[in-house]
N, C-alpha and C. Protein backbone atom coordinates (compact mmCIF):
# COMPACT_ATOMS: atom_id res chain seq x y z
N UNK A 1 -20.83 39.84 -44.59
CA UNK A 1 -19.55 39.91 -43.91
C UNK A 1 -19.27 38.54 -43.27
N UNK A 2 -18.05 38.09 -43.32
CA UNK A 2 -17.70 36.79 -42.77
C UNK A 2 -17.46 36.88 -41.27
N UNK A 3 -17.49 35.72 -40.62
CA UNK A 3 -17.22 35.66 -39.19
C UNK A 3 -15.84 36.23 -38.88
N UNK A 4 -14.86 35.87 -39.68
CA UNK A 4 -13.50 36.36 -39.45
C UNK A 4 -13.48 37.89 -39.46
N UNK A 5 -14.12 38.49 -40.43
CA UNK A 5 -14.15 39.95 -40.52
C UNK A 5 -14.90 40.56 -39.35
N UNK A 6 -16.04 39.97 -38.98
CA UNK A 6 -16.83 40.50 -37.88
C UNK A 6 -16.07 40.42 -36.55
N UNK A 7 -15.26 39.38 -36.38
CA UNK A 7 -14.51 39.19 -35.14
C UNK A 7 -13.12 39.81 -35.21
N UNK A 8 -12.80 40.45 -36.34
CA UNK A 8 -11.49 41.07 -36.56
C UNK A 8 -10.36 40.03 -36.42
N UNK A 9 -10.59 38.87 -37.06
CA UNK A 9 -9.62 37.79 -37.09
C UNK A 9 -9.40 37.39 -38.53
N UNK A 10 -8.36 36.62 -38.80
CA UNK A 10 -8.13 36.18 -40.16
C UNK A 10 -8.90 34.88 -40.42
N UNK A 11 -9.19 34.66 -41.70
CA UNK A 11 -9.87 33.43 -42.09
C UNK A 11 -9.02 32.22 -41.72
N UNK A 12 -7.71 32.32 -41.88
CA UNK A 12 -6.80 31.23 -41.55
C UNK A 12 -6.86 30.90 -40.06
N UNK A 13 -6.92 31.95 -39.24
CA UNK A 13 -6.99 31.74 -37.80
C UNK A 13 -8.29 31.01 -37.43
N UNK A 14 -9.40 31.42 -38.02
CA UNK A 14 -10.68 30.75 -37.77
C UNK A 14 -10.60 29.28 -38.17
N UNK A 15 -10.01 29.01 -39.35
CA UNK A 15 -9.85 27.64 -39.83
C UNK A 15 -8.99 26.82 -38.88
N UNK A 16 -7.91 27.44 -38.37
CA UNK A 16 -7.03 26.74 -37.43
C UNK A 16 -7.73 26.45 -36.11
N UNK A 17 -8.58 27.37 -35.66
CA UNK A 17 -9.36 27.13 -34.44
C UNK A 17 -10.28 25.93 -34.66
N UNK A 18 -11.00 25.95 -35.77
CA UNK A 18 -11.94 24.87 -36.07
C UNK A 18 -11.22 23.53 -36.20
N UNK A 19 -10.00 23.54 -36.71
CA UNK A 19 -9.23 22.32 -36.89
C UNK A 19 -8.47 21.89 -35.65
N UNK A 20 -8.58 22.65 -34.57
CA UNK A 20 -7.89 22.32 -33.33
C UNK A 20 -6.41 22.61 -33.37
N UNK A 21 -5.97 23.44 -34.31
CA UNK A 21 -4.56 23.77 -34.43
C UNK A 21 -4.17 24.99 -33.60
N UNK A 22 -5.14 25.79 -33.23
CA UNK A 22 -4.87 27.01 -32.45
C UNK A 22 -5.69 27.00 -31.18
N UNK A 23 -5.11 27.52 -30.12
CA UNK A 23 -5.80 27.72 -28.84
C UNK A 23 -6.31 29.15 -28.85
N UNK A 24 -7.46 29.38 -28.28
CA UNK A 24 -8.02 30.73 -28.29
C UNK A 24 -7.93 31.36 -26.90
N UNK A 25 -7.67 32.64 -26.90
CA UNK A 25 -7.62 33.39 -25.65
C UNK A 25 -9.02 33.83 -25.26
N UNK A 26 -9.15 34.34 -24.06
CA UNK A 26 -10.44 34.88 -23.60
C UNK A 26 -10.86 36.03 -24.51
N UNK A 27 -9.91 36.81 -24.96
CA UNK A 27 -10.22 37.95 -25.84
C UNK A 27 -10.80 37.45 -27.17
N UNK A 28 -10.22 36.39 -27.72
CA UNK A 28 -10.72 35.83 -28.97
C UNK A 28 -12.11 35.25 -28.78
N UNK A 29 -12.32 34.55 -27.67
CA UNK A 29 -13.65 34.00 -27.38
C UNK A 29 -14.66 35.12 -27.30
N UNK A 30 -14.29 36.21 -26.65
CA UNK A 30 -15.18 37.36 -26.54
C UNK A 30 -15.50 37.95 -27.91
N UNK A 31 -14.50 38.08 -28.76
CA UNK A 31 -14.71 38.61 -30.12
C UNK A 31 -15.66 37.72 -30.92
N UNK A 32 -15.43 36.41 -30.83
CA UNK A 32 -16.27 35.47 -31.57
C UNK A 32 -17.71 35.51 -31.04
N UNK A 33 -17.86 35.56 -29.74
CA UNK A 33 -19.20 35.61 -29.14
C UNK A 33 -19.93 36.86 -29.58
N UNK A 34 -19.24 37.98 -29.58
CA UNK A 34 -19.87 39.23 -30.00
C UNK A 34 -20.27 39.16 -31.47
N UNK A 35 -19.41 38.62 -32.30
CA UNK A 35 -19.70 38.50 -33.72
C UNK A 35 -20.90 37.59 -33.98
N UNK A 36 -21.01 36.54 -33.17
CA UNK A 36 -22.10 35.58 -33.34
C UNK A 36 -23.34 35.94 -32.52
N UNK A 37 -23.24 37.00 -31.75
CA UNK A 37 -24.33 37.48 -30.90
C UNK A 37 -24.81 36.41 -29.92
N UNK A 38 -23.83 35.82 -29.24
CA UNK A 38 -24.10 34.84 -28.18
C UNK A 38 -23.27 35.22 -26.96
N UNK A 39 -23.53 34.56 -25.85
CA UNK A 39 -22.73 34.75 -24.66
C UNK A 39 -21.53 33.82 -24.74
N UNK A 40 -20.35 34.25 -24.28
CA UNK A 40 -19.15 33.41 -24.38
C UNK A 40 -19.30 32.02 -23.75
N UNK A 41 -20.03 31.92 -22.65
CA UNK A 41 -20.16 30.61 -22.00
C UNK A 41 -20.86 29.59 -22.90
N UNK A 42 -21.62 30.05 -23.87
CA UNK A 42 -22.37 29.13 -24.72
C UNK A 42 -21.46 28.27 -25.59
N UNK A 43 -20.23 28.70 -25.80
CA UNK A 43 -19.28 27.89 -26.56
C UNK A 43 -18.92 26.62 -25.81
N UNK A 44 -19.12 26.60 -24.50
CA UNK A 44 -18.69 25.49 -23.68
C UNK A 44 -19.82 24.56 -23.27
N UNK A 45 -21.01 24.81 -23.77
CA UNK A 45 -22.17 23.98 -23.47
C UNK A 45 -22.37 22.94 -24.57
N UNK A 46 -22.95 21.80 -24.23
CA UNK A 46 -23.27 20.83 -25.28
C UNK A 46 -24.22 21.47 -26.30
N UNK A 47 -24.15 21.02 -27.53
CA UNK A 47 -24.99 21.59 -28.59
C UNK A 47 -26.47 21.58 -28.24
N UNK A 48 -26.94 20.57 -27.54
CA UNK A 48 -28.36 20.50 -27.21
C UNK A 48 -28.79 21.60 -26.25
N UNK A 49 -27.82 22.23 -25.58
CA UNK A 49 -28.14 23.25 -24.59
C UNK A 49 -28.09 24.66 -25.15
N UNK A 50 -27.74 24.81 -26.40
CA UNK A 50 -27.56 26.14 -26.97
C UNK A 50 -28.87 26.72 -27.48
N UNK A 51 -29.88 26.74 -26.63
CA UNK A 51 -31.15 27.34 -26.97
C UNK A 51 -31.59 28.25 -25.83
N UNK A 52 -32.86 28.64 -25.80
CA UNK A 52 -33.30 29.56 -24.76
C UNK A 52 -33.21 28.96 -23.36
N UNK A 53 -33.10 27.67 -23.24
CA UNK A 53 -32.96 27.03 -21.94
C UNK A 53 -31.52 26.93 -21.47
N UNK A 54 -30.59 27.46 -22.25
CA UNK A 54 -29.18 27.30 -21.90
C UNK A 54 -28.81 27.98 -20.60
N UNK A 55 -29.50 29.06 -20.23
CA UNK A 55 -29.15 29.70 -18.96
C UNK A 55 -29.50 28.78 -17.79
N UNK A 56 -30.57 28.01 -17.91
CA UNK A 56 -30.94 27.06 -16.86
C UNK A 56 -29.88 25.97 -16.75
N UNK A 57 -29.43 25.47 -17.88
CA UNK A 57 -28.41 24.43 -17.90
C UNK A 57 -27.09 24.99 -17.38
N UNK A 58 -26.76 26.22 -17.76
CA UNK A 58 -25.53 26.84 -17.28
C UNK A 58 -25.58 26.98 -15.75
N UNK A 59 -26.73 27.37 -15.23
CA UNK A 59 -26.89 27.50 -13.78
C UNK A 59 -26.67 26.15 -13.10
N UNK A 60 -27.20 25.09 -13.69
CA UNK A 60 -27.02 23.75 -13.13
C UNK A 60 -25.54 23.36 -13.16
N UNK A 61 -24.84 23.65 -14.26
CA UNK A 61 -23.41 23.37 -14.34
C UNK A 61 -22.66 24.14 -13.25
N UNK A 62 -23.00 25.40 -13.09
CA UNK A 62 -22.31 26.23 -12.11
C UNK A 62 -22.59 25.75 -10.69
N UNK A 63 -23.82 25.34 -10.42
CA UNK A 63 -24.16 24.81 -9.09
C UNK A 63 -23.34 23.55 -8.81
N UNK A 64 -23.26 22.66 -9.79
CA UNK A 64 -22.49 21.43 -9.64
C UNK A 64 -21.01 21.75 -9.45
N UNK A 65 -20.50 22.69 -10.24
CA UNK A 65 -19.10 23.11 -10.13
C UNK A 65 -18.83 23.67 -8.74
N UNK A 66 -19.73 24.53 -8.25
CA UNK A 66 -19.57 25.15 -6.93
C UNK A 66 -19.57 24.08 -5.84
N UNK A 67 -20.50 23.14 -5.92
CA UNK A 67 -20.56 22.07 -4.92
C UNK A 67 -19.26 21.26 -4.91
N UNK A 68 -18.78 20.90 -6.09
CA UNK A 68 -17.54 20.12 -6.18
C UNK A 68 -16.34 20.92 -5.69
N UNK A 69 -16.30 22.19 -6.00
CA UNK A 69 -15.19 23.04 -5.55
C UNK A 69 -15.20 23.16 -4.03
N UNK A 70 -16.37 23.38 -3.45
CA UNK A 70 -16.47 23.47 -1.99
C UNK A 70 -16.03 22.17 -1.33
N UNK A 71 -16.41 21.04 -1.89
CA UNK A 71 -16.02 19.74 -1.36
C UNK A 71 -14.50 19.59 -1.43
N UNK A 72 -13.92 19.96 -2.57
CA UNK A 72 -12.48 19.84 -2.75
C UNK A 72 -11.73 20.73 -1.76
N UNK A 73 -12.19 21.96 -1.59
CA UNK A 73 -11.55 22.89 -0.65
C UNK A 73 -11.65 22.33 0.77
N UNK A 74 -12.81 21.79 1.12
CA UNK A 74 -12.98 21.18 2.45
C UNK A 74 -12.02 20.02 2.68
N UNK A 75 -11.87 19.18 1.67
CA UNK A 75 -10.95 18.05 1.79
C UNK A 75 -9.51 18.51 1.92
N UNK A 76 -9.12 19.53 1.13
CA UNK A 76 -7.76 20.06 1.23
C UNK A 76 -7.52 20.72 2.58
N UNK A 77 -8.52 21.45 3.06
CA UNK A 77 -8.43 22.10 4.37
C UNK A 77 -8.24 21.04 5.45
N UNK A 78 -9.05 20.00 5.40
CA UNK A 78 -8.97 18.92 6.38
C UNK A 78 -7.60 18.24 6.34
N UNK A 79 -7.09 18.06 5.14
CA UNK A 79 -5.80 17.37 4.98
C UNK A 79 -4.63 18.24 5.42
N UNK A 80 -4.61 19.50 4.95
CA UNK A 80 -3.46 20.36 5.20
C UNK A 80 -3.59 21.25 6.43
N UNK A 81 -4.79 21.47 6.91
CA UNK A 81 -5.02 22.33 8.06
C UNK A 81 -5.93 21.63 9.07
N UNK A 82 -5.54 20.49 9.55
CA UNK A 82 -6.43 19.71 10.43
C UNK A 82 -6.78 20.44 11.72
N UNK A 83 -5.93 21.34 12.19
CA UNK A 83 -6.23 22.07 13.42
C UNK A 83 -7.44 22.97 13.27
N UNK A 84 -7.76 23.41 12.06
CA UNK A 84 -8.90 24.27 11.83
C UNK A 84 -10.22 23.51 12.04
N UNK A 85 -10.19 22.19 11.85
CA UNK A 85 -11.39 21.36 12.02
C UNK A 85 -11.75 21.17 13.49
N UNK A 86 -10.78 21.35 14.40
CA UNK A 86 -11.02 21.12 15.82
C UNK A 86 -11.98 22.13 16.42
N UNK A 87 -12.11 23.29 15.81
CA UNK A 87 -12.98 24.34 16.33
C UNK A 87 -14.44 24.07 16.08
N UNK A 88 -14.77 23.04 15.32
CA UNK A 88 -16.17 22.73 14.99
C UNK A 88 -16.90 22.12 16.14
């Protein structure tokens, strides 16, 4: 059975995704992940990380993302809500 059939997508759609002609929705990513028996987040990791150690790398990415997001929120809070900083 082909990937397209397993994911309930057309062969043309798969080809267009591969060629960068189509954007995929979360639902399509989920279908493809299920068909390939991987976790959806693995599509967004570098190829070298797509092994049994990928969860460790994903955790590191998420930690870095969380740190950067917290920093950004703090900076926005300081900029737009400076009175909230006075309570510190």
